[in-house]
Amino acid sequence: MTPHMHGKVALITGVSRKLGIGAAIAHTLARAGATIFTTYYRSFDVAMPWGSAEHEPEAILAELRAHGAAAAGLEANLADPSAPEQVIAATNRAFGHIDILINNAAYYQAAPLDGLTAALLDQHYAVNVRGTLLLCRAFADQHDGRAGGRIVNLTSGQGLTPMPAELPYVMTKAAIEGLTLTLSAALAGKQITVNAVDPGATDSGWISDHLRAELLRQAPFGRVGIPDDAARLIGFLVSDAGQWITGQVIRSRGGM
């Protein structure tokens, strides 16, 4: 069970699909008593193979409220350099001081070496690195030094297995892992912990039948990850029970 987080305000980016990790995190923290603010960007999900139903981000917020949580959200393109500060300001206006930042939003487009372009690299960098780091800065700027500040960045398994068809994504997620330790040291004086979570292959609506079969052959527990697996770990990290864990990249991959 996730420890109680009554009185905490959590900002979670990339909460646009009911099957997604972001939605699972939002529900987990809301059940623990946290107030939830989400961001989403329809244009990205609609263009992806997994898609996004019309008004799905709003439906997630409605579900959170139906279960008793205070919840609000904002559509934001984190590739816009001004978006991170706008998101933080909108959350502050809605709910006051933010205690928890979950950087779940990411840009993804498959590209091998011979498919790389400067524009594609810049698209990934703008959201996955610049957007994430500017959110961290804006979050830290509004944090008043009270105990319980938390940042969790979602990463991937690029350091464990080759991903030759996903080079821009690999590059930017590696940057997230690289900054975790240094950022944790920079923010410890403000009582903020910083960690990264690698949830491994997670069945959030994008895994094909062929890939699922391949993953199952490798899976020690006989299944692939589900969004709740990542959400439970993140729920622990952002709770008081996680106060002594910082600067870590935690692999929650079911042994894969």
Protein backbone atom coordinates (compact mmCIF):
# COMPACT_ATOMS: atom_id res chain seq x y z
CA MET A 1 0.00 0.00 0.00
CA THR A 2 1.26 3.49 -0.85
CA PRO A 3 1.83 5.54 2.32
CA HIS A 4 -0.57 8.42 2.93
CA MET A 5 0.10 11.64 1.04
CA HIS A 6 -2.72 13.81 2.29
CA GLY A 7 -1.90 17.48 1.83
CA LYS A 8 0.65 16.79 -0.93
CA VAL A 9 0.31 18.25 -4.43
CA ALA A 10 1.68 16.17 -7.32
CA LEU A 11 2.33 17.42 -10.85
CA ILE A 12 2.45 14.54 -13.36
CA THR A 13 3.26 15.17 -17.03
CA GLY A 14 2.15 13.02 -19.95
CA VAL A 15 -1.21 11.88 -18.55
CA SER A 16 -3.23 11.46 -21.72
CA ARG A 17 -4.26 7.79 -22.00
CA LYS A 18 -6.13 5.60 -19.53
CA LEU A 19 -3.76 2.72 -20.32
CA GLY A 20 -0.64 4.84 -19.81
CA ILE A 21 1.91 4.92 -17.01
CA GLY A 22 1.02 8.54 -16.29
CA ALA A 23 -2.61 7.68 -15.57
CA ALA A 24 -1.55 4.80 -13.30
CA ILE A 25 0.73 7.13 -11.34
CA ALA A 26 -2.05 9.70 -11.00
CA HIS A 27 -4.49 7.10 -9.66
CA THR A 28 -1.92 5.65 -7.25
CA LEU A 29 -1.01 9.01 -5.75
CA ALA A 30 -4.65 10.12 -5.65
CA ARG A 31 -5.62 6.97 -3.74
CA ALA A 32 -2.94 7.86 -1.21
CA GLY A 33 -4.54 11.26 -0.72
CA ALA A 34 -2.47 13.51 -2.98
CA THR A 35 -3.93 16.36 -5.02
CA ILE A 36 -3.20 15.84 -8.71
CA PHE A 37 -2.34 18.20 -11.56
CA THR A 38 -1.67 16.66 -14.97
CA THR A 39 -0.37 17.76 -18.34
CA TYR A 40 -1.13 16.19 -21.71
CA TYR A 41 -0.55 16.92 -25.39
CA ARG A 42 -3.17 15.47 -27.72
CA SER A 43 -1.35 16.13 -30.98
CA PHE A 44 1.43 13.72 -30.08
CA ASP A 45 -0.72 10.80 -28.94
CA VAL A 46 -3.17 11.12 -31.82
CA ALA A 47 -0.26 10.82 -34.27
CA MET A 48 1.13 7.69 -32.58
CA PRO A 49 0.04 4.11 -33.39
CA TRP A 50 -1.55 3.73 -29.95
CA GLY A 51 -3.71 6.84 -30.46
CA SER A 52 -5.78 8.69 -27.90
CA ALA A 53 -9.55 8.91 -27.62
CA GLU A 54 -11.18 12.31 -27.79
CA HIS A 55 -11.38 13.93 -24.35
CA GLU A 56 -9.42 11.03 -22.79
CA PRO A 57 -7.22 13.32 -20.67
CA GLU A 58 -10.34 14.99 -19.29
CA ALA A 59 -11.89 11.58 -18.64
CA ILE A 60 -8.88 10.60 -16.52
CA LEU A 61 -9.30 13.76 -14.46
CA ALA A 62 -13.01 13.04 -14.07
CA GLU A 63 -12.20 9.54 -12.78
CA LEU A 64 -9.79 10.98 -10.23
CA ARG A 65 -12.42 13.43 -9.01
CA ALA A 66 -15.07 10.71 -8.90
CA HIS A 67 -12.87 8.84 -6.45
CA GLY A 68 -12.58 11.89 -4.22
CA ALA A 69 -9.33 13.47 -5.37
CA ALA A 70 -8.85 17.13 -6.17
CA ALA A 71 -7.57 17.09 -9.75
CA ALA A 72 -6.99 19.50 -12.63
CA GLY A 73 -4.96 19.49 -15.82
CA LEU A 74 -3.55 21.54 -18.66
CA GLU A 75 -2.71 20.81 -22.28
CA ALA A 76 0.93 21.77 -22.79
CA ASN A 77 3.53 21.22 -25.48
CA LEU A 78 6.74 20.83 -23.49
CA ALA A 79 8.76 21.50 -26.64
CA ASP A 80 7.81 25.15 -26.11
CA PRO A 81 10.57 26.69 -23.94
CA SER A 82 7.98 28.73 -22.04
CA ALA A 83 5.74 25.73 -21.25
CA PRO A 84 7.51 24.44 -18.11
CA GLU A 85 7.12 27.72 -16.22
CA GLN A 86 3.53 28.02 -17.45
CA VAL A 87 2.73 24.53 -16.17
CA ILE A 88 4.26 25.21 -12.76
CA ALA A 89 2.40 28.53 -12.53
CA ALA A 90 -0.91 26.89 -13.49
CA THR A 91 -0.44 24.21 -10.84
CA ASN A 92 0.39 26.81 -8.20
CA ARG A 93 -2.72 28.79 -9.10
CA ALA A 94 -4.91 25.71 -8.88
CA PHE A 95 -3.51 24.08 -5.74
CA GLY A 96 -0.69 26.11 -4.24
CA HIS A 97 2.75 24.74 -3.43
CA ILE A 98 3.84 21.68 -5.44
CA ASP A 99 5.51 18.88 -3.48
CA ILE A 100 5.99 16.23 -6.16
CA LEU A 101 7.06 16.41 -9.82
CA ILE A 102 6.80 13.32 -12.03
CA ASN A 103 8.44 13.83 -15.42
CA ASN A 104 6.59 11.18 -17.42
CA ALA A 105 5.99 13.02 -20.73
CA ALA A 106 8.34 12.10 -23.58
CA TYR A 107 8.66 12.53 -27.31
CA TYR A 108 9.32 9.39 -29.34
CA GLN A 109 9.87 8.63 -33.00
CA ALA A 110 11.78 5.57 -34.14
CA ALA A 111 14.91 6.39 -36.13
CA PRO A 112 18.02 4.31 -36.95
CA LEU A 113 21.35 5.93 -37.74
CA ASP A 114 20.61 6.38 -41.45
CA GLY A 115 17.28 8.01 -40.60
CA LEU A 116 18.65 10.71 -38.31
CA THR A 117 18.07 14.38 -39.03
CA ALA A 118 18.93 17.45 -37.02
CA ALA A 119 15.24 18.30 -36.74
CA LEU A 120 14.39 14.88 -35.32
CA LEU A 121 17.17 15.08 -32.75
CA ASP A 122 16.02 18.56 -31.75
CA GLN A 123 12.41 17.37 -31.34
CA HIS A 124 13.50 14.69 -28.89
CA TYR A 125 15.88 16.99 -27.04
CA ALA A 126 13.31 19.77 -26.70
CA VAL A 127 10.83 17.61 -24.78
CA ASN A 128 12.84 14.82 -23.21
CA VAL A 129 15.83 16.82 -21.97
CA ARG A 130 15.21 20.56 -22.10
CA GLY A 131 11.54 20.34 -21.12
CA THR A 132 12.31 17.95 -18.26
CA LEU A 133 15.20 19.99 -16.88
CA LEU A 134 13.31 23.30 -17.14
CA LEU A 135 10.41 21.72 -15.27
CA CYS A 136 12.83 20.61 -12.57
CA ARG A 137 14.20 24.13 -12.31
CA ALA A 138 10.76 25.77 -12.14
CA PHE A 139 9.62 23.19 -9.58
CA ALA A 140 12.69 23.82 -7.43
CA ASP A 141 12.23 27.60 -7.69
CA GLN A 142 8.75 27.38 -6.19
CA HIS A 143 9.73 24.86 -3.51
CA ASP A 144 10.08 26.58 -0.15
CA GLY A 145 12.43 24.07 1.47
CA ARG A 146 9.83 22.10 3.39
CA ALA A 147 10.54 18.40 3.80
CA GLY A 148 9.10 16.03 1.21
CA GLY A 149 10.13 17.59 -2.10
CA ARG A 150 10.28 14.88 -4.75
CA ILE A 151 11.27 14.61 -8.42
CA VAL A 152 10.97 11.34 -10.33
CA ASN A 153 12.03 11.13 -13.98
CA LEU A 154 10.93 8.26 -16.19
CA THR A 155 13.72 6.71 -18.21
CA SER A 156 14.23 3.58 -20.32
CA GLY A 157 16.51 0.57 -20.71
CA GLN A 158 18.97 2.07 -23.17
CA GLY A 159 21.88 1.23 -20.88
CA LEU A 160 20.95 -2.44 -20.65
CA THR A 161 20.29 -3.51 -24.21
CA PRO A 162 20.98 -2.03 -27.67
CA MET A 163 18.12 -0.06 -29.23
CA PRO A 164 19.54 0.66 -32.71
CA ALA A 165 16.23 1.72 -34.23
CA GLU A 166 15.56 4.34 -31.55
CA LEU A 167 18.69 6.46 -31.45
CA PRO A 168 17.16 9.91 -30.70
CA TYR A 169 15.11 8.44 -27.86
CA VAL A 170 18.12 6.52 -26.53
CA MET A 171 20.26 9.66 -26.55
CA THR A 172 17.77 11.78 -24.64
CA LYS A 173 16.82 9.15 -22.08
CA ALA A 174 20.51 8.55 -21.40
CA ALA A 175 20.79 12.26 -20.64
CA ILE A 176 18.01 11.95 -18.07
CA GLU A 177 19.88 9.18 -16.29
CA GLY A 178 23.10 11.17 -16.50
CA LEU A 179 21.69 14.25 -14.81
CA THR A 180 19.91 12.39 -11.99
CA LEU A 181 22.85 12.13 -9.57
CA THR A 182 24.09 15.68 -10.09
CA LEU A 183 20.59 17.17 -9.88
CA SER A 184 19.97 15.27 -6.66
CA ALA A 185 23.07 16.85 -5.12
CA ALA A 186 22.06 20.29 -6.38
CA LEU A 187 18.61 20.07 -4.80
CA ALA A 188 19.32 18.21 -1.55
CA GLY A 189 19.70 21.51 0.28
CA LYS A 190 16.09 22.33 -0.60
CA GLN A 191 14.89 18.99 0.82
CA ILE A 192 14.15 17.59 -2.66
CA THR A 193 15.06 14.05 -3.65
CA VAL A 194 15.66 13.24 -7.32
CA ASN A 195 15.44 9.74 -8.77
CA ALA A 196 14.87 8.09 -12.13
CA VAL A 197 12.72 5.01 -12.74
CA ASP A 198 13.18 2.59 -15.62
CA PRO A 199 9.98 0.53 -15.84
CA GLY A 200 11.17 -1.67 -18.69
CA ALA A 201 8.77 -2.89 -21.36
CA THR A 202 5.36 -1.89 -20.05
CA ASP A 203 2.09 -2.97 -21.61
CA SER A 204 0.48 0.44 -21.93
CA GLY A 205 -1.21 -0.14 -25.27
CA TRP A 206 1.74 -0.03 -27.66
CA ILE A 207 3.08 -3.61 -27.57
CA SER A 208 2.27 -5.68 -30.65
CA ASP A 209 1.35 -9.36 -30.39
CA HIS A 210 4.69 -10.30 -31.96
CA LEU A 211 6.69 -8.20 -29.49
CA ARG A 212 4.62 -9.45 -26.55
CA ALA A 213 5.40 -13.05 -27.49
CA GLU A 214 9.10 -12.22 -27.72
CA LEU A 215 9.08 -10.44 -24.35
CA LEU A 216 7.23 -13.30 -22.68
CA ARG A 217 9.95 -15.71 -23.77
CA GLN A 218 12.45 -13.57 -21.82
CA ALA A 219 10.27 -12.84 -18.79
CA PRO A 220 11.31 -14.58 -15.55
CA PHE A 221 7.86 -14.00 -14.04
CA GLY A 222 5.99 -15.02 -17.16
CA ARG A 223 4.52 -11.60 -17.90
CA VAL A 224 5.46 -8.13 -19.11
CA GLY A 225 5.23 -5.03 -16.98
CA ILE A 226 1.99 -3.17 -16.44
CA PRO A 227 1.61 0.55 -15.61
CA ASP A 228 0.72 -0.19 -11.99
CA ASP A 229 4.16 -1.78 -11.49
CA ALA A 230 5.86 1.55 -12.17
CA ALA A 231 3.20 3.50 -10.29
CA ARG A 232 3.66 1.49 -7.09
CA LEU A 233 7.41 2.10 -7.08
CA ILE A 234 6.96 5.81 -7.74
CA GLY A 235 4.32 5.97 -5.01
CA PHE A 236 6.91 4.67 -2.57
CA LEU A 237 9.67 7.01 -3.75
CA VAL A 238 7.56 10.15 -3.38
CA SER A 239 6.20 9.17 0.04
CA ASP A 240 7.87 9.84 3.38
CA ALA A 241 9.17 6.26 3.24
CA GLY A 242 11.37 7.23 0.29
CA GLN A 243 13.04 10.20 1.97
CA TRP A 244 16.52 8.59 2.11
CA ILE A 245 16.63 7.52 -1.54
CA THR A 246 18.05 10.05 -3.98
CA GLY A 247 20.34 10.19 -6.99
CA GLN A 248 19.32 6.68 -8.07
CA VAL A 249 18.27 5.12 -11.36
CA ILE A 250 16.00 2.31 -10.24
CA ARG A 251 15.31 -0.59 -12.62
CA SER A 252 11.84 -1.99 -12.08
CA ARG A 253 11.81 -4.49 -14.94
CA GLY A 254 10.72 -7.81 -13.47
CA GLY A 255 14.19 -9.26 -13.96
CA MET A 256 14.35 -8.52 -17.69
